[in-house]
Amino acid sequence: FKLGEKRETWVAAPIAEKAIELVSTLTKAW
């Protein structure tokens, strides 16, 4: 949102895959 709202992509570490997988499961019901 800093320079106008748009969709962007960031390079991350491999642990990001596991983090997204875990938190997606944990907060699904909420």
PDB file of all heavy atoms in Angstrom:
ATOM      1  N   PHE A   1       0.808  -1.221   0.000  1.00  0.00           N
ATOM      2  CA  PHE A   1       0.000   0.000   0.000  1.00  0.00           C
ATOM      3  C   PHE A   1       0.842   1.273   0.000  1.00  0.00           C
ATOM      4  O   PHE A   1       0.315   2.358  -0.175  1.00  0.00           O
ATOM      5  CB  PHE A   1      -0.908   0.022   1.240  1.00  0.00           C
ATOM      6  CG  PHE A   1      -1.769  -1.196   1.363  1.00  0.00           C
ATOM      7  CD1 PHE A   1      -1.309  -2.337   1.995  1.00  0.00           C
ATOM      8  CD2 PHE A   1      -3.044  -1.224   0.833  1.00  0.00           C
ATOM      9  CE1 PHE A   1      -2.094  -3.473   2.112  1.00  0.00           C
ATOM     10  CE2 PHE A   1      -3.846  -2.351   0.933  1.00  0.00           C
ATOM     11  CZ  PHE A   1      -3.373  -3.480   1.568  1.00  0.00           C
ATOM     12  N   LYS A   2       2.154   1.137   0.189  1.00  0.00           N
ATOM     13  CA  LYS A   2       3.004   2.310   0.396  1.00  0.00           C
ATOM     14  C   LYS A   2       3.018   3.239  -0.809  1.00  0.00           C
ATOM     15  O   LYS A   2       2.953   4.449  -0.677  1.00  0.00           O
ATOM     16  CB  LYS A   2       4.438   1.851   0.719  1.00  0.00           C
ATOM     17  CG  LYS A   2       5.317   2.934   1.302  1.00  0.00           C
ATOM     18  CD  LYS A   2       4.903   3.281   2.711  1.00  0.00           C
ATOM     19  CE  LYS A   2       5.878   4.227   3.364  1.00  0.00           C
ATOM     20  NZ  LYS A   2       5.463   4.603   4.722  1.00  0.00           N
ATOM     21  N   LEU A   3       3.130   2.701  -1.990  1.00  0.00           N
ATOM     22  CA  LEU A   3       3.223   3.512  -3.209  1.00  0.00           C
ATOM     23  C   LEU A   3       2.000   3.307  -4.090  1.00  0.00           C
ATOM     24  O   LEU A   3       2.087   3.279  -5.311  1.00  0.00           O
ATOM     25  CB  LEU A   3       4.506   3.154  -3.980  1.00  0.00           C
ATOM     26  CG  LEU A   3       5.807   3.342  -3.200  1.00  0.00           C
ATOM     27  CD1 LEU A   3       6.983   2.792  -3.971  1.00  0.00           C
ATOM     28  CD2 LEU A   3       6.015   4.814  -2.873  1.00  0.00           C
ATOM     29  N   GLY A   4       0.872   3.129  -3.448  1.00  0.00           N
ATOM     30  CA  GLY A   4      -0.345   2.821  -4.204  1.00  0.00           C
ATOM     31  C   GLY A   4      -0.637   1.341  -4.078  1.00  0.00           C
ATOM     32  O   GLY A   4       0.268   0.502  -4.178  1.00  0.00           O
ATOM     33  N   GLU A   5      -1.873   0.986  -3.851  1.00  0.00           N
ATOM     34  CA  GLU A   5      -2.238  -0.407  -3.605  1.00  0.00           C
ATOM     35  C   GLU A   5      -2.047  -1.271  -4.843  1.00  0.00           C
ATOM     36  O   GLU A   5      -2.498  -0.938  -5.935  1.00  0.00           O
ATOM     37  CB  GLU A   5      -3.694  -0.476  -3.158  1.00  0.00           C
ATOM     38  CG  GLU A   5      -4.139  -1.869  -2.764  1.00  0.00           C
ATOM     39  CD  GLU A   5      -5.566  -1.889  -2.276  1.00  0.00           C
ATOM     40  OE1 GLU A   5      -6.102  -0.795  -1.981  1.00  0.00           O
ATOM     41  OE2 GLU A   5      -6.150  -2.981  -2.209  1.00  0.00           O
ATOM     42  N   LYS A   6      -1.325  -2.372  -4.670  1.00  0.00           N
ATOM     43  CA  LYS A   6      -1.117  -3.306  -5.769  1.00  0.00           C
ATOM     44  C   LYS A   6      -0.667  -4.653  -5.214  1.00  0.00           C
ATOM     45  O   LYS A   6      -0.283  -4.778  -4.049  1.00  0.00           O
ATOM     46  CB  LYS A   6      -0.073  -2.774  -6.751  1.00  0.00           C
ATOM     47  CG  LYS A   6       1.265  -2.404  -6.121  1.00  0.00           C
ATOM     48  CD  LYS A   6       2.170  -1.743  -7.141  1.00  0.00           C
ATOM     49  CE  LYS A   6       3.453  -1.241  -6.491  1.00  0.00           C
ATOM     50  NZ  LYS A   6       4.336  -0.551  -7.449  1.00  0.00           N
ATOM     51  N   ARG A   7      -0.724  -5.662  -6.052  1.00  0.00           N
ATOM     52  CA  ARG A   7      -0.317  -7.020  -5.680  1.00  0.00           C
ATOM     53  C   ARG A   7       1.178  -7.158  -5.939  1.00  0.00           C
ATOM     54  O   ARG A   7       1.670  -6.780  -7.008  1.00  0.00           O
ATOM     55  CB  ARG A   7      -1.095  -8.022  -6.520  1.00  0.00           C
ATOM     56  CG  ARG A   7      -1.056  -9.453  -5.995  1.00  0.00           C
ATOM     57  CD  ARG A   7      -1.941  -9.612  -4.798  1.00  0.00           C
ATOM     58  NE  ARG A   7      -2.022 -11.019  -4.383  1.00  0.00           N
ATOM     59  CZ  ARG A   7      -2.454 -11.402  -3.210  1.00  0.00           C
ATOM     60  NH1 ARG A   7      -2.836 -10.509  -2.321  1.00  0.00           N
ATOM     61  NH2 ARG A   7      -2.526 -12.684  -2.898  1.00  0.00           N
ATOM     62  N   GLU A   8       1.910  -7.677  -4.950  1.00  0.00           N
ATOM     63  CA  GLU A   8       3.356  -7.814  -5.097  1.00  0.00           C
ATOM     64  C   GLU A   8       3.808  -9.179  -4.579  1.00  0.00           C
ATOM     65  O   GLU A   8       3.055  -9.890  -3.907  1.00  0.00           O
ATOM     66  CB  GLU A   8       4.087  -6.714  -4.321  1.00  0.00           C
ATOM     67  CG  GLU A   8       4.099  -5.356  -5.012  1.00  0.00           C
ATOM     68  CD  GLU A   8       5.082  -5.300  -6.177  1.00  0.00           C
ATOM     69  OE1 GLU A   8       5.656  -6.357  -6.526  1.00  0.00           O
ATOM     70  OE2 GLU A   8       5.285  -4.211  -6.735  1.00  0.00           O
ATOM     71  N   THR A   9       5.063  -9.511  -4.908  1.00  0.00           N
ATOM     72  CA  THR A   9       5.634 -10.800  -4.521  1.00  0.00           C
ATOM     73  C   THR A   9       6.975 -10.586  -3.833  1.00  0.00           C
ATOM     74  O   THR A   9       7.772  -9.746  -4.253  1.00  0.00           O
ATOM     75  CB  THR A   9       5.826 -11.700  -5.756  1.00  0.00           C
ATOM     76  OG1 THR A   9       4.570 -11.852  -6.417  1.00  0.00           O
ATOM     77  CG2 THR A   9       6.348 -13.065  -5.353  1.00  0.00           C
ATOM     78  N   TRP A  10       7.231 -11.362  -2.772  1.00  0.00           N
ATOM     79  CA  TRP A  10       8.477 -11.285  -2.026  1.00  0.00           C
ATOM     80  C   TRP A  10       9.152 -12.666  -2.009  1.00  0.00           C
ATOM     81  O   TRP A  10       8.482 -13.692  -1.882  1.00  0.00           O
ATOM     82  CB  TRP A  10       8.212 -10.872  -0.586  1.00  0.00           C
ATOM     83  CG  TRP A  10       7.787  -9.445  -0.419  1.00  0.00           C
ATOM     84  CD1 TRP A  10       8.569  -8.392  -0.049  1.00  0.00           C
ATOM     85  CD2 TRP A  10       6.467  -8.907  -0.593  1.00  0.00           C
ATOM     86  NE1 TRP A  10       7.830  -7.240   0.002  1.00  0.00           N
ATOM     87  CE2 TRP A  10       6.530  -7.519  -0.327  1.00  0.00           C
ATOM     88  CE3 TRP A  10       5.246  -9.462  -0.960  1.00  0.00           C
ATOM     89  CZ2 TRP A  10       5.428  -6.686  -0.409  1.00  0.00           C
ATOM     90  CZ3 TRP A  10       4.133  -8.634  -1.053  1.00  0.00           C
ATOM     91  CH2 TRP A  10       4.235  -7.258  -0.774  1.00  0.00           C
ATOM     92  N   VAL A  11      10.468 -12.649  -2.120  1.00  0.00           N
ATOM     93  CA  VAL A  11      11.234 -13.884  -1.948  1.00  0.00           C
ATOM     94  C   VAL A  11      11.343 -14.150  -0.449  1.00  0.00           C
ATOM     95  O   VAL A  11      11.606 -13.232   0.337  1.00  0.00           O
ATOM     96  CB  VAL A  11      12.640 -13.755  -2.566  1.00  0.00           C
ATOM     97  CG1 VAL A  11      13.432 -15.047  -2.350  1.00  0.00           C
ATOM     98  CG2 VAL A  11      12.545 -13.427  -4.045  1.00  0.00           C
ATOM     99  N   ALA A  12      11.142 -15.389  -0.041  1.00  0.00           N
ATOM    100  CA  ALA A  12      11.181 -15.749   1.379  1.00  0.00           C
ATOM    101  C   ALA A  12      12.077 -16.963   1.583  1.00  0.00           C
ATOM    102  O   ALA A  12      12.580 -17.560   0.624  1.00  0.00           O
ATOM    103  CB  ALA A  12       9.767 -16.028   1.894  1.00  0.00           C
ATOM    104  N   ALA A  13      12.282 -17.322   2.841  1.00  0.00           N
ATOM    105  CA  ALA A  13      13.062 -18.513   3.180  1.00  0.00           C
ATOM    106  C   ALA A  13      12.151 -19.748   3.107  1.00  0.00           C
ATOM    107  O   ALA A  13      10.925 -19.635   3.164  1.00  0.00           O
ATOM    108  CB  ALA A  13      13.646 -18.362   4.578  1.00  0.00           C
ATOM    109  N   PRO A  14      12.737 -20.942   2.987  1.00  0.00           N
ATOM    110  CA  PRO A  14      11.927 -22.171   2.901  1.00  0.00           C
ATOM    111  C   PRO A  14      10.968 -22.359   4.073  1.00  0.00           C
ATOM    112  O   PRO A  14       9.902 -22.949   3.907  1.00  0.00           O
ATOM    113  CB  PRO A  14      12.988 -23.278   2.870  1.00  0.00           C
ATOM    114  CG  PRO A  14      14.196 -22.627   2.278  1.00  0.00           C
ATOM    115  CD  PRO A  14      14.176 -21.218   2.789  1.00  0.00           C
ATOM    116  N   ILE A  15      11.324 -21.818   5.256  1.00  0.00           N
ATOM    117  CA  ILE A  15      10.467 -21.998   6.422  1.00  0.00           C
ATOM    118  C   ILE A  15       9.108 -21.332   6.222  1.00  0.00           C
ATOM    119  O   ILE A  15       8.125 -21.689   6.890  1.00  0.00           O
ATOM    120  CB  ILE A  15      11.160 -21.439   7.690  1.00  0.00           C
ATOM    121  CG1 ILE A  15      10.405 -21.834   8.954  1.00  0.00           C
ATOM    122  CG2 ILE A  15      11.309 -19.931   7.604  1.00  0.00           C
ATOM    123  CD1 ILE A  15      10.357 -23.316   9.211  1.00  0.00           C
ATOM    124  N   ALA A  16       9.016 -20.384   5.284  1.00  0.00           N
ATOM    125  CA  ALA A  16       7.746 -19.698   5.024  1.00  0.00           C
ATOM    126  C   ALA A  16       6.674 -20.695   4.587  1.00  0.00           C
ATOM    127  O   ALA A  16       5.490 -20.533   4.923  1.00  0.00           O
ATOM    128  CB  ALA A  16       7.935 -18.617   3.963  1.00  0.00           C
ATOM    129  N   GLU A  17       7.057 -21.709   3.830  1.00  0.00           N
ATOM    130  CA  GLU A  17       6.092 -22.724   3.382  1.00  0.00           C
ATOM    131  C   GLU A  17       5.460 -23.427   4.577  1.00  0.00           C
ATOM    132  O   GLU A  17       4.234 -23.581   4.651  1.00  0.00           O
ATOM    133  CB  GLU A  17       6.784 -23.743   2.482  1.00  0.00           C
ATOM    134  CG  GLU A  17       5.864 -24.848   1.996  1.00  0.00           C
ATOM    135  CD  GLU A  17       6.565 -25.863   1.106  1.00  0.00           C
ATOM    136  OE1 GLU A  17       7.820 -25.853   1.065  1.00  0.00           O
ATOM    137  OE2 GLU A  17       5.863 -26.667   0.454  1.00  0.00           O
ATOM    138  N   LYS A  18       6.299 -23.827   5.524  1.00  0.00           N
ATOM    139  CA  LYS A  18       5.796 -24.524   6.705  1.00  0.00           C
ATOM    140  C   LYS A  18       4.985 -23.584   7.590  1.00  0.00           C
ATOM    141  O   LYS A  18       3.972 -23.988   8.178  1.00  0.00           O
ATOM    142  CB  LYS A  18       6.963 -25.121   7.486  1.00  0.00           C
ATOM    143  CG  LYS A  18       7.745 -26.182   6.719  1.00  0.00           C
ATOM    144  CD  LYS A  18       8.913 -26.706   7.536  1.00  0.00           C
ATOM    145  CE  LYS A  18       9.688 -27.771   6.762  1.00  0.00           C
ATOM    146  NZ  LYS A  18      10.844 -28.285   7.542  1.00  0.00           N
ATOM    147  N   ALA A  19       5.429 -22.332   7.680  1.00  0.00           N
ATOM    148  CA  ALA A  19       4.721 -21.364   8.516  1.00  0.00           C
ATOM    149  C   ALA A  19       3.309 -21.116   7.994  1.00  0.00           C
ATOM    150  O   ALA A  19       2.333 -21.109   8.767  1.00  0.00           O
ATOM    151  CB  ALA A  19       5.507 -20.050   8.572  1.00  0.00           C
ATOM    152  N   ILE A  20       3.188 -20.917   6.670  1.00  0.00           N
ATOM    153  CA  ILE A  20       1.867 -20.688   6.070  1.00  0.00           C
ATOM    154  C   ILE A  20       0.987 -21.923   6.227  1.00  0.00           C
ATOM    155  O   ILE A  20      -0.210 -21.828   6.539  1.00  0.00           O
ATOM    156  CB  ILE A  20       2.002 -20.309   4.584  1.00  0.00           C
ATOM    157  CG1 ILE A  20       2.748 -18.971   4.427  1.00  0.00           C
ATOM    158  CG2 ILE A  20       0.635 -20.248   3.918  1.00  0.00           C
ATOM    159  CD1 ILE A  20       2.012 -17.779   4.971  1.00  0.00           C
ATOM    160  N   GLU A  21       1.571 -23.092   6.031  1.00  0.00           N
ATOM    161  CA  GLU A  21       0.809 -24.340   6.161  1.00  0.00           C
ATOM    162  C   GLU A  21       0.289 -24.514   7.583  1.00  0.00           C
ATOM    163  O   GLU A  21      -0.881 -24.873   7.798  1.00  0.00           O
ATOM    164  CB  GLU A  21       1.706 -25.527   5.788  1.00  0.00           C
ATOM    165  CG  GLU A  21       1.010 -26.873   5.854  1.00  0.00           C
ATOM    166  CD  GLU A  21       1.951 -28.029   5.521  1.00  0.00           C
ATOM    167  OE1 GLU A  21       3.080 -27.770   5.042  1.00  0.00           O
ATOM    168  OE2 GLU A  21       1.551 -29.192   5.750  1.00  0.00           O
ATOM    169  N   LEU A  22       1.152 -24.240   8.578  1.00  0.00           N
ATOM    170  CA  LEU A  22       0.760 -24.425   9.974  1.00  0.00           C
ATOM    171  C   LEU A  22      -0.309 -23.420  10.402  1.00  0.00           C
ATOM    172  O   LEU A  22      -1.359 -23.800  10.937  1.00  0.00           O
ATOM    173  CB  LEU A  22       1.989 -24.301  10.880  1.00  0.00           C
ATOM    174  CG  LEU A  22       1.721 -24.425  12.385  1.00  0.00           C
ATOM    175  CD1 LEU A  22       1.107 -25.783  12.712  1.00  0.00           C
ATOM    176  CD2 LEU A  22       3.010 -24.209  13.185  1.00  0.00           C
ATOM    177  N   VAL A  23      -0.059 -22.130  10.162  1.00  0.00           N
ATOM    178  CA  VAL A  23      -1.003 -21.112  10.627  1.00  0.00           C
ATOM    179  C   VAL A  23      -2.333 -21.205   9.863  1.00  0.00           C
ATOM    180  O   VAL A  23      -3.397 -20.884  10.409  1.00  0.00           O
ATOM    181  CB  VAL A  23      -0.383 -19.701  10.518  1.00  0.00           C
ATOM    182  CG1 VAL A  23      -0.310 -19.211   9.075  1.00  0.00           C
ATOM    183  CG2 VAL A  23      -1.168 -18.704  11.373  1.00  0.00           C
ATOM    184  N   SER A  24      -2.286 -21.641   8.612  1.00  0.00           N
ATOM    185  CA  SER A  24      -3.534 -21.824   7.851  1.00  0.00           C
ATOM    186  C   SER A  24      -4.427 -22.865   8.515  1.00  0.00           C
ATOM    187  O   SER A  24      -5.653 -22.712   8.575  1.00  0.00           O
ATOM    188  CB  SER A  24      -3.222 -22.249   6.415  1.00  0.00           C
ATOM    189  OG  SER A  24      -2.525 -21.241   5.722  1.00  0.00           O
ATOM    190  N   THR A  25      -3.805 -23.917   9.018  1.00  0.00           N
ATOM    191  CA  THR A  25      -4.565 -24.981   9.689  1.00  0.00           C
ATOM    192  C   THR A  25      -5.066 -24.518  11.052  1.00  0.00           C
ATOM    193  O   THR A  25      -6.213 -24.762  11.421  1.00  0.00           O
ATOM    194  CB  THR A  25      -3.680 -26.235   9.855  1.00  0.00           C
ATOM    195  OG1 THR A  25      -3.173 -26.643   8.577  1.00  0.00           O
ATOM    196  CG2 THR A  25      -4.461 -27.375  10.475  1.00  0.00           C
ATOM    197  N   LEU A  26      -4.195 -23.830  11.794  1.00  0.00           N
ATOM    198  CA  LEU A  26      -4.546 -23.415  13.151  1.00  0.00           C
ATOM    199  C   LEU A  26      -5.698 -22.419  13.183  1.00  0.00           C
ATOM    200  O   LEU A  26      -6.532 -22.445  14.086  1.00  0.00           O
ATOM    201  CB  LEU A  26      -3.322 -22.803  13.849  1.00  0.00           C
ATOM    202  CG  LEU A  26      -2.117 -23.721  14.076  1.00  0.00           C
ATOM    203  CD1 LEU A  26      -1.029 -22.991  14.838  1.00  0.00           C
ATOM    204  CD2 LEU A  26      -2.526 -24.992  14.817  1.00  0.00           C
ATOM    205  N   THR A  27      -5.749 -21.511  12.221  1.00  0.00           N
ATOM    206  CA  THR A  27      -6.762 -20.443  12.258  1.00  0.00           C
ATOM    207  C   THR A  27      -7.933 -20.693  11.309  1.00  0.00           C
ATOM    208  O   THR A  27      -8.763 -19.803  11.113  1.00  0.00           O
ATOM    209  CB  THR A  27      -6.111 -19.085  11.916  1.00  0.00           C
ATOM    210  OG1 THR A  27      -5.594 -19.119  10.570  1.00  0.00           O
ATOM    211  CG2 THR A  27      -4.989 -18.752  12.875  1.00  0.00           C
ATOM    212  N   LYS A  28      -8.017 -21.861  10.727  1.00  0.00           N
ATOM    213  CA  LYS A  28      -9.072 -22.143   9.740  1.00  0.00           C
ATOM    214  C   LYS A  28     -10.474 -21.935  10.318  1.00  0.00           C
ATOM    215  O   LYS A  28     -11.341 -21.306   9.701  1.00  0.00           O
ATOM    216  CB  LYS A  28      -8.921 -23.575   9.226  1.00  0.00           C
ATOM    217  CG  LYS A  28      -9.952 -23.951   8.163  1.00  0.00           C
ATOM    218  CD  LYS A  28      -9.730 -25.375   7.667  1.00  0.00           C
ATOM    219  CE  LYS A  28     -10.776 -25.739   6.607  1.00  0.00           C
ATOM    220  NZ  LYS A  28     -10.572 -27.130   6.107  1.00  0.00           N
ATOM    221  N   ALA A  29     -10.715 -22.472  11.514  1.00  0.00           N
ATOM    222  CA  ALA A  29     -12.050 -22.366  12.112  1.00  0.00           C
ATOM    223  C   ALA A  29     -12.389 -20.919  12.470  1.00  0.00           C
ATOM    224  O   ALA A  29     -13.548 -20.508  12.407  1.00  0.00           O
ATOM    225  CB  ALA A  29     -12.127 -23.242  13.362  1.00  0.00           C
ATOM    226  N   TRP A  30     -11.385 -20.148  12.851  1.00  0.00           N
ATOM    227  CA  TRP A  30     -11.612 -18.754  13.248  1.00  0.00           C
ATOM    228  C   TRP A  30     -11.904 -17.850  12.060  1.00  0.00           C
ATOM    229  O   TRP A  30     -12.710 -16.928  12.152  1.00  0.00           O
ATOM    230  CB  TRP A  30     -10.386 -18.209  13.984  1.00  0.00           C
ATOM    231  CG  TRP A  30     -10.159 -18.810  15.330  1.00  0.00           C
ATOM    232  CD1 TRP A  30     -11.070 -19.496  16.093  1.00  0.00           C
ATOM    233  CD2 TRP A  30      -8.947 -18.773  16.079  1.00  0.00           C
ATOM    234  NE1 TRP A  30     -10.498 -19.891  17.270  1.00  0.00           N
ATOM    235  CE2 TRP A  30      -9.191 -19.461  17.304  1.00  0.00           C
ATOM    236  CE3 TRP A  30      -7.684 -18.251  15.862  1.00  0.00           C
ATOM    237  CZ2 TRP A  30      -8.219 -19.604  18.282  1.00  0.00           C
ATOM    238  CZ3 TRP A  30      -6.705 -18.376  16.835  1.00  0.00           C
ATOM    239  CH2 TRP A  30      -6.964 -19.058  18.030  1.00  0.00           C
TER     240      TRP A  30
END
